[in-house]
């Protein structure tokens, strides 16, 4: 008879990482009316009127403003939706995405 002790094998647990965050950035332009920018921010990014006004004014004064931070897929989808909404109305409103550092 064997006197060896058997130990249960420990399995390596895979490490799950949080998805990388991406910023949606509003770029200022001199052609899109402020009211339309606020409307887009409210519709696509679900902001209150006050939040949308603050983001729009920051972009107007500084040239760019971070609108929100999401996972890559959501950030790209929202940026595309906002650009398409503006294009349908004939405005050159532009949003970009970039990784958050």
C-alpha atoms as a PDB file:
ATOM      1  CA  UNK A   1       0.000   0.000   0.000  1.00  0.00           C
ATOM      2  CA  UNK A   2       1.195   3.461  -0.878  1.00  0.00           C
ATOM      3  CA  UNK A   3       1.500   6.135   1.774  1.00  0.00           C
ATOM      4  CA  UNK A   4       1.715   9.061  -0.596  1.00  0.00           C
ATOM      5  CA  UNK A   5      -0.550  12.009  -0.042  1.00  0.00           C
ATOM      6  CA  UNK A   6      -2.417  13.378  -2.997  1.00  0.00           C
ATOM      7  CA  UNK A   7      -3.105  17.049  -3.130  1.00  0.00           C
ATOM      8  CA  UNK A   8      -5.751  18.624  -5.290  1.00  0.00           C
ATOM      9  CA  UNK A   9      -4.322  20.338  -8.312  1.00  0.00           C
ATOM     10  CA  UNK A  10      -4.724  24.092  -8.162  1.00  0.00           C
ATOM     11  CA  UNK A  11      -5.942  25.539 -11.390  1.00  0.00           C
ATOM     12  CA  UNK A  12      -4.703  28.867 -12.609  1.00  0.00           C
ATOM     13  CA  UNK A  13      -7.509  31.349 -12.702  1.00  0.00           C
ATOM     14  CA  UNK A  14      -7.487  33.527 -15.794  1.00  0.00           C
ATOM     15  CA  UNK A  15      -7.032  37.176 -14.979  1.00  0.00           C
ATOM     16  CA  UNK A  16      -9.772  39.313 -16.336  1.00  0.00           C
ATOM     17  CA  UNK A  17      -8.887  42.846 -17.223  1.00  0.00           C
ATOM     18  CA  UNK A  18     -11.205  45.758 -17.468  1.00  0.00           C
ATOM     19  CA  UNK A  19     -11.786  46.828 -21.036  1.00  0.00           C
ATOM     20  CA  UNK A  20      -9.730  49.834 -22.039  1.00  0.00           C
ATOM     21  CA  UNK A  21     -11.570  53.117 -21.819  1.00  0.00           C
ATOM     22  CA  UNK A  22     -11.926  55.430 -24.807  1.00  0.00           C
ATOM     23  CA  UNK A  23     -12.750  59.126 -24.744  1.00  0.00           C
ATOM     24  CA  UNK A  24     -15.312  60.638 -27.086  1.00  0.00           C
ATOM     25  CA  UNK A  25     -14.062  64.093 -28.034  1.00  0.00           C
ATOM     26  CA  UNK A  26     -16.118  66.941 -29.488  1.00  0.00           C
ATOM     27  CA  UNK A  27     -14.238  69.151 -31.940  1.00  0.00           C
ATOM     28  CA  UNK A  28     -15.344  72.749 -32.292  1.00  0.00           C
ATOM     29  CA  UNK A  29     -16.331  74.172 -35.655  1.00  0.00           C
ATOM     30  CA  UNK A  30     -17.569  77.609 -36.687  1.00  0.00           C
ATOM     31  CA  UNK A  31     -20.569  76.398 -38.676  1.00  0.00           C
ATOM     32  CA  UNK A  32     -22.698  74.155 -36.461  1.00  0.00           C
ATOM     33  CA  UNK A  33     -25.191  76.136 -34.361  1.00  0.00           C
ATOM     34  CA  UNK A  34     -24.763  75.836 -30.618  1.00  0.00           C
ATOM     35  CA  UNK A  35     -28.375  74.764 -30.167  1.00  0.00           C
ATOM     36  CA  UNK A  36     -27.839  71.847 -32.538  1.00  0.00           C
ATOM     37  CA  UNK A  37     -24.693  70.729 -30.677  1.00  0.00           C
ATOM     38  CA  UNK A  38     -26.663  70.742 -27.418  1.00  0.00           C
ATOM     39  CA  UNK A  39     -29.440  68.736 -29.086  1.00  0.00           C
ATOM     40  CA  UNK A  40     -26.931  66.109 -30.303  1.00  0.00           C
ATOM     41  CA  UNK A  41     -25.302  65.840 -26.877  1.00  0.00           C
ATOM     42  CA  UNK A  42     -28.682  65.378 -25.235  1.00  0.00           C
ATOM     43  CA  UNK A  43     -29.922  62.835 -27.787  1.00  0.00           C
ATOM     44  CA  UNK A  44     -26.828  60.679 -28.261  1.00  0.00           C
ATOM     45  CA  UNK A  45     -25.005  61.064 -24.942  1.00  0.00           C
ATOM     46  CA  UNK A  46     -28.091  61.405 -22.708  1.00  0.00           C
ATOM     47  CA  UNK A  47     -26.921  64.634 -21.086  1.00  0.00           C
ATOM     48  CA  UNK A  48     -29.076  67.155 -19.321  1.00  0.00           C
ATOM     49  CA  UNK A  49     -29.408  70.542 -20.963  1.00  0.00           C
ATOM     50  CA  UNK A  50     -27.006  72.072 -18.424  1.00  0.00           C
ATOM     51  CA  UNK A  51     -24.396  69.348 -18.977  1.00  0.00           C
ATOM     52  CA  UNK A  52     -24.688  69.666 -22.757  1.00  0.00           C
ATOM     53  CA  UNK A  53     -24.331  73.458 -22.577  1.00  0.00           C
ATOM     54  CA  UNK A  54     -21.195  73.129 -20.429  1.00  0.00           C
ATOM     55  CA  UNK A  55     -19.605  70.629 -22.843  1.00  0.00           C
ATOM     56  CA  UNK A  56     -20.541  72.725 -25.877  1.00  0.00           C
ATOM     57  CA  UNK A  57     -19.114  75.910 -24.322  1.00  0.00           C
ATOM     58  CA  UNK A  58     -15.889  74.161 -23.307  1.00  0.00           C
ATOM     59  CA  UNK A  59     -15.427  72.882 -26.866  1.00  0.00           C
ATOM     60  CA  UNK A  60     -16.229  76.340 -28.209  1.00  0.00           C
ATOM     61  CA  UNK A  61     -13.692  78.051 -25.937  1.00  0.00           C
ATOM     62  CA  UNK A  62     -10.885  75.458 -26.016  1.00  0.00           C
ATOM     63  CA  UNK A  63     -11.432  73.907 -29.429  1.00  0.00           C
ATOM     64  CA  UNK A  64     -12.065  70.411 -28.062  1.00  0.00           C
ATOM     65  CA  UNK A  65     -13.836  68.805 -25.118  1.00  0.00           C
ATOM     66  CA  UNK A  66     -14.094  65.263 -23.778  1.00  0.00           C
ATOM     67  CA  UNK A  67     -17.767  64.359 -23.922  1.00  0.00           C
ATOM     68  CA  UNK A  68     -17.704  60.968 -22.180  1.00  0.00           C
ATOM     69  CA  UNK A  69     -15.619  57.858 -21.601  1.00  0.00           C
ATOM     70  CA  UNK A  70     -16.803  54.399 -22.688  1.00  0.00           C
ATOM     71  CA  UNK A  71     -15.469  51.077 -23.886  1.00  0.00           C
ATOM     72  CA  UNK A  72     -14.081  51.264 -27.426  1.00  0.00           C
ATOM     73  CA  UNK A  73     -17.142  49.863 -29.176  1.00  0.00           C
ATOM     74  CA  UNK A  74     -19.595  52.137 -27.387  1.00  0.00           C
ATOM     75  CA  UNK A  75     -17.399  55.220 -27.843  1.00  0.00           C
ATOM     76  CA  UNK A  76     -17.025  54.603 -31.580  1.00  0.00           C
ATOM     77  CA  UNK A  77     -20.739  53.886 -31.990  1.00  0.00           C
ATOM     78  CA  UNK A  78     -21.815  57.065 -30.192  1.00  0.00           C
ATOM     79  CA  UNK A  79     -19.286  59.202 -32.083  1.00  0.00           C
ATOM     80  CA  UNK A  80     -20.521  57.769 -35.395  1.00  0.00           C
ATOM     81  CA  UNK A  81     -24.171  58.309 -34.458  1.00  0.00           C
ATOM     82  CA  UNK A  82     -23.491  61.940 -33.541  1.00  0.00           C
ATOM     83  CA  UNK A  83     -21.567  62.599 -36.774  1.00  0.00           C
ATOM     84  CA  UNK A  84     -24.321  60.993 -38.854  1.00  0.00           C
ATOM     85  CA  UNK A  85     -27.010  62.999 -37.044  1.00  0.00           C
ATOM     86  CA  UNK A  86     -25.156  66.226 -37.884  1.00  0.00           C
ATOM     87  CA  UNK A  87     -24.499  65.160 -41.481  1.00  0.00           C
ATOM     88  CA  UNK A  88     -28.219  64.516 -42.034  1.00  0.00           C
ATOM     89  CA  UNK A  89     -28.815  68.161 -41.126  1.00  0.00           C
ATOM     90  CA  UNK A  90     -25.892  69.375 -43.240  1.00  0.00           C
ATOM     91  CA  UNK A  91     -23.551  70.310 -40.381  1.00  0.00           C
ATOM     92  CA  UNK A  92     -19.830  69.445 -40.220  1.00  0.00           C
ATOM     93  CA  UNK A  93     -19.948  68.597 -36.495  1.00  0.00           C
ATOM     94  CA  UNK A  94     -17.104  66.202 -35.682  1.00  0.00           C
ATOM     95  CA  UNK A  95     -16.452  63.751 -32.860  1.00  0.00           C
ATOM     96  CA  UNK A  96     -13.380  61.549 -32.466  1.00  0.00           C
ATOM     97  CA  UNK A  97     -12.366  58.772 -30.104  1.00  0.00           C
ATOM     98  CA  UNK A  98      -9.026  58.035 -28.501  1.00  0.00           C
ATOM     99  CA  UNK A  99      -7.785  55.735 -25.751  1.00  0.00           C
ATOM    100  CA  UNK A 100      -7.825  57.125 -22.250  1.00  0.00           C
ATOM    101  CA  UNK A 101      -4.425  57.105 -20.622  1.00  0.00           C
END
